[in-house]
Structures are given as C-alpha cells and as structure tokens.
Amino acid sequence: VPLFLVVSHYAVHLPLAAPPALVKKVLGRGRLSRHEATYAAMIESLDSSVRDLEAALERSGIADETVVVFFSDNGAHGSVRSEGPFRGEKGMLYEGGIRVPLVIDGPGVEPQRPSAVVTGVDLFPTMLDYAGVPSADRPLLDGTSLMPLLEHGTDLGRDAVFWHFPAYLDDPARPGQWRTTPASAVRSGKWKLIEFHEGPRRELYDLEDDPGETADRSNTHPAIVDRLQRRLSRWRVTSDAPLPIARQGGARPTDSP
C-alpha cells in the first residue's frame, strides 16, 4: 500500500525546551550555558526522532522503495544561534533567513550536491512525480519537480526563483524595531535582488563571490538591477502577489507586466 507521511517536528523552535535528563547530559560535556545546552538537546532529540523513523522503515521492509526528505522551513532565530557566514535570520530575505538544509534520499537518487537553487514549493510536484500522478490530474503548481535533478543531475530549466513577504515582522531582540519590512526577492544565477517596498530600496548581491551579502552591487550594476526588477515585477503580476498599502491613506504600490 502506498505510504505518504509528513512529520513536522517542533524542534528546533522557540521557546527552547528539551527533556531535562538530556539537557543535563549535554551540560556535562562542558563549556555550554543552559540556554545553549537546551538548544543542543533539542537538536539531539530531533536527530533521534529521524533515526527512529528510518529504523521503522527498515523494519517494515520498505526502506529501499521510500523517498525520504529532510527539510527546514526557514533559517535560525538570531537570539539562539548565528547563521554565519550568511547574513540575516529567520523572517528575513537575506540568505540567513531563506537558505536551509535539504536532504533527499531514495531509490534512483544519485549522490550529489547540486548547484541548482530549489525552494519548498518544489517538493509537492516532486512527490507527485514519484507517486506517478499524471500531469493531466494535477492542479496548477508554482513549483518544479526535482526528479530530473535528483536522478540525472539535469538542469531544472528555470531562470529564476522568487520570495515575497509583504508584511512587517517585529524583532523581539530590539523592541520597537522591525526584523524586516515588506520585501520581495528574486534570484537568477548568481545574482539576487531584494526590493524593500518602503522607499522603495533595492539591494543587489553576487552570491558566488559574496554569499554573506556584505557588498550591495546595485550602484555598480544598474543594468542587472533593471533586468531583475522587471522579472520580479512580472512574477508579482502573474502570481497576483499582494502588495503593502502605504500608511495614512497613501496609494498602493503597483507593478506593471
């Protein structure tokens, strides 16, 4: 019987909490505060849970015909740990907020560390491919199946990926300040453009030479900014992405195709 299982672990997430005995065990290793030890214990608990799931697949005799995906939904919280060498944290469109672990293993998956940029929305069409669901029976999807990449190392054939966060997110570490203001981002090849809708303000980064996003290249590469801005604006129009409304009755920002 076909099996599809989603296990959404709470770990690792605030507030930090872990079995007291495990926290004590980690503290015994030395040189960690209780806060750090609790965080480490949560990671250890997560690892144990993943091992239990893999062991259950082995006992059931279906491990060799099961695709296993391990994936994080966002970057870490800055008050818990650093995202170094990446800039930013959870809730931001810098790499520290959106670059996350993704491990996929299963029948036909070739051992590799592909350079292609993939996103969470790619997982649904990938699972549909593995389940053999015909294209005609699928809804309209935002993502792209990763099966050609996983099994053959084939390029996915898309020129850009996008992120959109049209809201304000507070920063618990700095009361009264925002972790991020409304923003959108597009990555095409090595270039990534972030558009902050207040202003607006645009930042351009070369992620091959500068994965930590330390140097904004928008002033030195205006043609690339314009090209990516047009691509981002078209995507927002075609996806009907909501845009923030200016305060005090100001006009809503608009995009044109």
Protein backbone atom coordinates (compact mmCIF):
# COMPACT_ATOMS: atom_id res chain seq x y z
CA VAL A 1 0.00 0.00 0.00
CA PRO A 2 1.50 3.41 -0.95
CA LEU A 3 2.53 5.49 2.03
CA PHE A 4 2.91 9.25 2.38
CA LEU A 5 3.92 10.59 5.77
CA VAL A 6 4.67 14.15 6.91
CA VAL A 7 6.34 14.62 10.29
CA SER A 8 6.58 18.28 11.30
CA HIS A 9 8.91 18.48 14.27
CA TYR A 10 8.54 21.39 16.65
CA ALA A 11 12.29 21.28 17.27
CA VAL A 12 14.18 23.42 16.82
CA HIS A 13 11.94 26.38 17.69
CA LEU A 14 11.34 28.92 20.41
CA PRO A 15 10.59 28.62 23.26
CA LEU A 16 13.50 26.26 23.83
CA ALA A 17 12.55 23.12 25.73
CA ALA A 18 14.06 19.65 25.91
CA PRO A 19 13.94 16.60 28.22
CA PRO A 20 15.72 17.62 31.46
CA ALA A 21 17.83 14.46 31.51
CA LEU A 22 19.12 15.19 28.02
CA VAL A 23 19.86 18.83 28.88
CA LYS A 24 21.83 17.62 31.91
CA LYS A 25 23.74 15.18 29.72
CA VAL A 26 24.67 17.96 27.28
CA LEU A 27 25.69 20.28 30.12
CA GLY A 28 28.03 17.56 31.31
CA ARG A 29 30.03 17.94 28.14
CA GLY A 30 31.14 21.34 29.41
CA ARG A 31 31.50 24.93 28.18
CA LEU A 32 27.82 25.47 27.37
CA SER A 33 25.27 27.68 29.06
CA ARG A 34 21.90 26.14 29.96
CA HIS A 35 20.36 28.08 27.06
CA GLU A 36 22.90 26.61 24.62
CA ALA A 37 22.61 23.15 26.14
CA THR A 38 18.82 23.19 25.77
CA TYR A 39 19.17 24.15 22.12
CA ALA A 40 21.72 21.38 21.56
CA ALA A 41 19.45 18.89 23.33
CA MET A 42 16.58 19.82 21.04
CA ILE A 43 18.76 19.08 18.02
CA GLU A 44 19.80 15.76 19.54
CA SER A 45 16.13 14.88 20.12
CA LEU A 46 15.35 15.71 16.50
CA ASP A 47 18.20 13.50 15.31
CA SER A 48 16.91 10.64 17.44
CA SER A 49 13.43 11.01 16.01
CA VAL A 50 14.75 10.88 12.45
CA ARG A 51 16.74 7.74 13.32
CA ASP A 52 13.58 6.17 14.76
CA LEU A 53 11.68 6.87 11.54
CA GLU A 54 14.44 5.37 9.40
CA ALA A 55 14.57 2.31 11.65
CA ALA A 56 10.80 1.87 11.30
CA LEU A 57 11.14 1.94 7.51
CA GLU A 58 13.83 -0.74 7.71
CA ARG A 59 11.69 -2.96 9.98
CA SER A 60 8.75 -2.59 7.63
CA GLY A 61 10.85 -3.69 4.66
CA ILE A 62 10.07 -0.59 2.60
CA ALA A 63 13.21 1.49 3.15
CA ASP A 64 14.61 0.63 -0.30
CA GLU A 65 11.45 1.88 -2.03
CA THR A 66 10.84 5.01 0.04
CA VAL A 67 11.92 8.57 -0.74
CA VAL A 68 12.92 10.41 2.44
CA VAL A 69 13.04 14.22 2.52
CA PHE A 70 14.61 16.20 5.37
CA PHE A 71 13.90 19.91 5.08
CA SER A 72 13.87 23.04 7.24
CA ASP A 73 11.26 25.74 6.67
CA ASN A 74 13.43 28.77 7.48
CA GLY A 75 16.71 29.95 8.95
CA ALA A 76 17.51 30.09 12.64
CA HIS A 77 16.43 32.76 15.11
CA GLY A 78 19.23 35.21 15.74
CA SER A 79 18.82 35.09 19.52
CA VAL A 80 19.59 31.37 19.50
CA ARG A 81 22.44 30.94 17.07
CA SER A 82 24.38 32.61 14.28
CA GLU A 83 23.69 31.87 10.62
CA GLY A 84 27.33 32.61 9.78
CA PRO A 85 28.66 33.04 7.20
CA PHE A 86 25.22 34.13 5.95
CA ARG A 87 23.56 37.43 6.71
CA GLY A 88 20.24 37.74 8.49
CA GLU A 89 17.98 35.25 10.25
CA LYS A 90 14.51 33.75 10.25
CA GLY A 91 11.95 36.17 8.80
CA MET A 92 14.41 37.96 6.51
CA LEU A 93 15.01 37.58 2.78
CA TYR A 94 18.77 37.58 3.26
CA GLU A 95 20.42 34.16 2.92
CA GLY A 96 20.40 33.58 6.67
CA GLY A 97 16.61 33.58 6.56
CA ILE A 98 15.95 31.54 3.41
CA ARG A 99 18.96 29.23 2.85
CA VAL A 100 18.13 25.99 4.68
CA PRO A 101 19.12 22.30 4.79
CA LEU A 102 17.54 19.94 2.26
CA VAL A 103 18.46 16.25 2.07
CA ILE A 104 16.64 13.81 -0.23
CA ASP A 105 17.40 10.09 -0.37
CA GLY A 106 15.64 7.20 -2.01
CA PRO A 107 15.54 4.82 -4.98
CA GLY A 108 17.16 6.28 -8.06
CA VAL A 109 18.55 9.33 -6.27
CA GLU A 110 22.16 9.87 -7.29
CA PRO A 111 24.61 11.01 -4.57
CA GLN A 112 25.32 14.64 -5.42
CA ARG A 113 25.39 18.18 -4.12
CA PRO A 114 23.70 20.05 -6.96
CA SER A 115 24.27 23.76 -7.50
CA ALA A 116 20.69 24.37 -8.62
CA VAL A 117 18.59 26.64 -6.41
CA VAL A 118 15.41 24.91 -5.22
CA THR A 119 12.57 26.02 -2.95
CA GLY A 120 10.00 24.40 -0.67
CA VAL A 121 7.24 24.62 -3.28
CA ASP A 122 9.26 22.22 -5.46
CA LEU A 123 8.62 19.34 -3.08
CA PHE A 124 4.94 18.87 -3.95
CA PRO A 125 5.44 18.33 -7.72
CA THR A 126 8.46 16.15 -6.90
CA MET A 127 6.32 13.86 -4.75
CA LEU A 128 3.64 13.77 -7.44
CA ASP A 129 6.26 12.56 -9.91
CA TYR A 130 7.42 9.82 -7.55
CA ALA A 131 3.79 8.81 -6.98
CA GLY A 132 3.21 8.58 -10.74
CA VAL A 133 0.37 11.12 -10.80
CA PRO A 134 -0.32 12.06 -14.46
CA SER A 135 0.19 15.71 -15.40
CA ALA A 136 -3.43 15.98 -16.50
CA ASP A 137 -4.60 15.13 -12.97
CA ARG A 138 -2.53 17.80 -11.25
CA PRO A 139 -3.52 21.31 -10.18
CA LEU A 140 -1.63 24.36 -11.40
CA LEU A 141 1.55 24.39 -9.31
CA ASP A 142 4.15 27.04 -8.51
CA GLY A 143 7.00 24.59 -8.02
CA THR A 144 9.12 22.47 -10.35
CA SER A 145 9.69 18.74 -9.91
CA LEU A 146 13.20 17.95 -8.71
CA MET A 147 13.17 14.39 -10.04
CA PRO A 148 15.31 15.15 -13.15
CA LEU A 149 17.87 16.83 -10.91
CA LEU A 150 17.88 14.07 -8.29
CA GLU A 151 18.10 11.14 -10.68
CA HIS A 152 20.13 12.53 -13.57
CA GLY A 153 21.66 15.81 -12.44
CA THR A 154 19.60 17.52 -15.16
CA ASP A 155 19.14 21.30 -15.02
CA LEU A 156 15.64 22.31 -13.97
CA GLY A 157 15.31 24.74 -16.87
CA ARG A 158 14.07 27.79 -14.98
CA ASP A 159 15.72 31.17 -14.98
CA ALA A 160 14.70 32.49 -11.57
CA VAL A 161 13.19 31.76 -8.15
CA PHE A 162 11.22 34.23 -6.03
CA TRP A 163 10.36 35.15 -2.45
CA HIS A 164 7.68 37.58 -1.28
CA PHE A 165 6.94 38.86 2.24
CA PRO A 166 4.51 41.82 2.10
CA ALA A 167 4.34 42.40 5.86
CA TYR A 168 6.14 43.77 8.91
CA LEU A 169 7.88 41.38 11.29
CA ASP A 170 8.88 42.58 14.74
CA ASP A 171 12.27 41.95 16.30
CA PRO A 172 11.98 40.61 19.88
CA ALA A 173 15.65 41.42 20.49
CA ARG A 174 15.09 45.10 19.60
CA PRO A 175 11.69 46.29 20.85
CA GLY A 176 10.15 48.91 18.57
CA GLN A 177 12.20 47.86 15.54
CA TRP A 178 11.42 45.57 12.63
CA ARG A 179 13.24 42.38 11.77
CA THR A 180 12.06 43.02 8.23
CA THR A 181 9.73 45.40 6.43
CA PRO A 182 7.70 44.34 3.34
CA ALA A 183 10.06 42.96 0.72
CA SER A 184 10.37 40.75 -2.36
CA ALA A 185 13.39 38.99 -3.81
CA VAL A 186 14.45 37.25 -6.99
CA ARG A 187 17.48 35.10 -7.68
CA SER A 188 18.72 34.38 -11.18
CA GLY A 189 22.01 32.56 -11.48
CA LYS A 190 24.50 34.13 -9.11
CA TRP A 191 22.57 37.40 -8.78
CA LYS A 192 19.97 38.16 -6.14
CA LEU A 193 17.89 41.32 -5.96
CA ILE A 194 15.95 42.30 -2.84
CA GLU A 195 13.33 45.02 -3.14
CA PHE A 196 12.16 46.63 0.09
CA HIS A 197 8.81 48.25 -0.60
CA GLU A 198 9.28 51.15 1.77
CA GLY A 199 11.19 53.74 -0.20
CA PRO A 200 11.45 51.64 -2.29
CA ARG A 201 15.00 50.42 -1.75
CA ARG A 202 16.83 47.78 -3.78
CA GLU A 203 19.89 45.73 -2.95
CA LEU A 204 21.84 43.52 -5.36
CA TYR A 205 24.22 40.74 -4.34
CA ASP A 206 26.60 38.41 -6.18
CA LEU A 207 26.09 35.19 -4.22
CA GLU A 208 29.03 33.42 -5.86
CA ASP A 209 31.61 35.98 -4.77
CA ASP A 210 29.72 37.25 -1.74
CA PRO A 211 27.43 34.58 -0.18
CA GLY A 212 27.38 36.62 3.05
CA GLU A 213 25.74 39.54 1.21
CA THR A 214 28.20 42.06 2.57
CA ALA A 215 28.51 44.24 -0.54
CA ASP A 216 25.47 45.79 -2.24
CA ARG A 217 26.24 45.91 -6.01
CA SER A 218 23.13 47.85 -7.06
CA ASN A 219 25.06 51.06 -7.80
CA THR A 220 27.73 49.35 -9.90
CA HIS A 221 25.42 47.04 -11.87
CA PRO A 222 22.29 49.09 -12.73
CA ALA A 223 21.52 47.03 -15.84
CA ILE A 224 21.29 43.85 -13.77
CA VAL A 225 19.09 45.63 -11.23
CA ASP A 226 16.74 46.76 -14.01
CA ARG A 227 16.59 43.29 -15.58
CA LEU A 228 15.86 41.53 -12.30
CA GLN A 229 13.38 44.22 -11.24
CA ARG A 230 11.36 43.68 -14.42
CA ARG A 231 11.45 39.92 -13.85
CA LEU A 232 10.32 40.33 -10.24
CA SER A 233 7.52 42.74 -11.19
CA ARG A 234 6.22 40.34 -13.87
CA TRP A 235 6.20 37.49 -11.36
CA ARG A 236 4.21 39.53 -8.83
CA VAL A 237 1.63 40.37 -11.50
CA THR A 238 1.25 36.82 -12.82
CA SER A 239 1.06 35.34 -9.32
CA ASP A 240 -1.31 38.07 -8.06
CA ALA A 241 1.01 38.69 -5.12
CA PRO A 242 -0.44 41.07 -2.50
CA LEU A 243 1.41 44.35 -2.06
CA PRO A 244 1.58 46.52 1.06
CA ILE A 245 -0.53 49.66 1.28
CA ALA A 246 1.17 52.92 2.21
CA ARG A 247 0.35 54.31 5.64
CA GLN A 248 -2.10 57.20 6.19
CA GLY A 249 -4.13 56.55 3.08
CA GLY A 250 -1.26 56.59 0.60
CA ALA A 251 -1.60 54.92 -2.80
CA ARG A 252 -0.95 51.21 -3.07
CA PRO A 253 2.32 50.34 -4.91
CA THR A 254 1.67 48.85 -8.32
CA ASP A 255 3.54 46.60 -10.72
CA SER A 256 3.21 46.53 -14.47
CA PRO A 257 3.89 43.45 -16.60
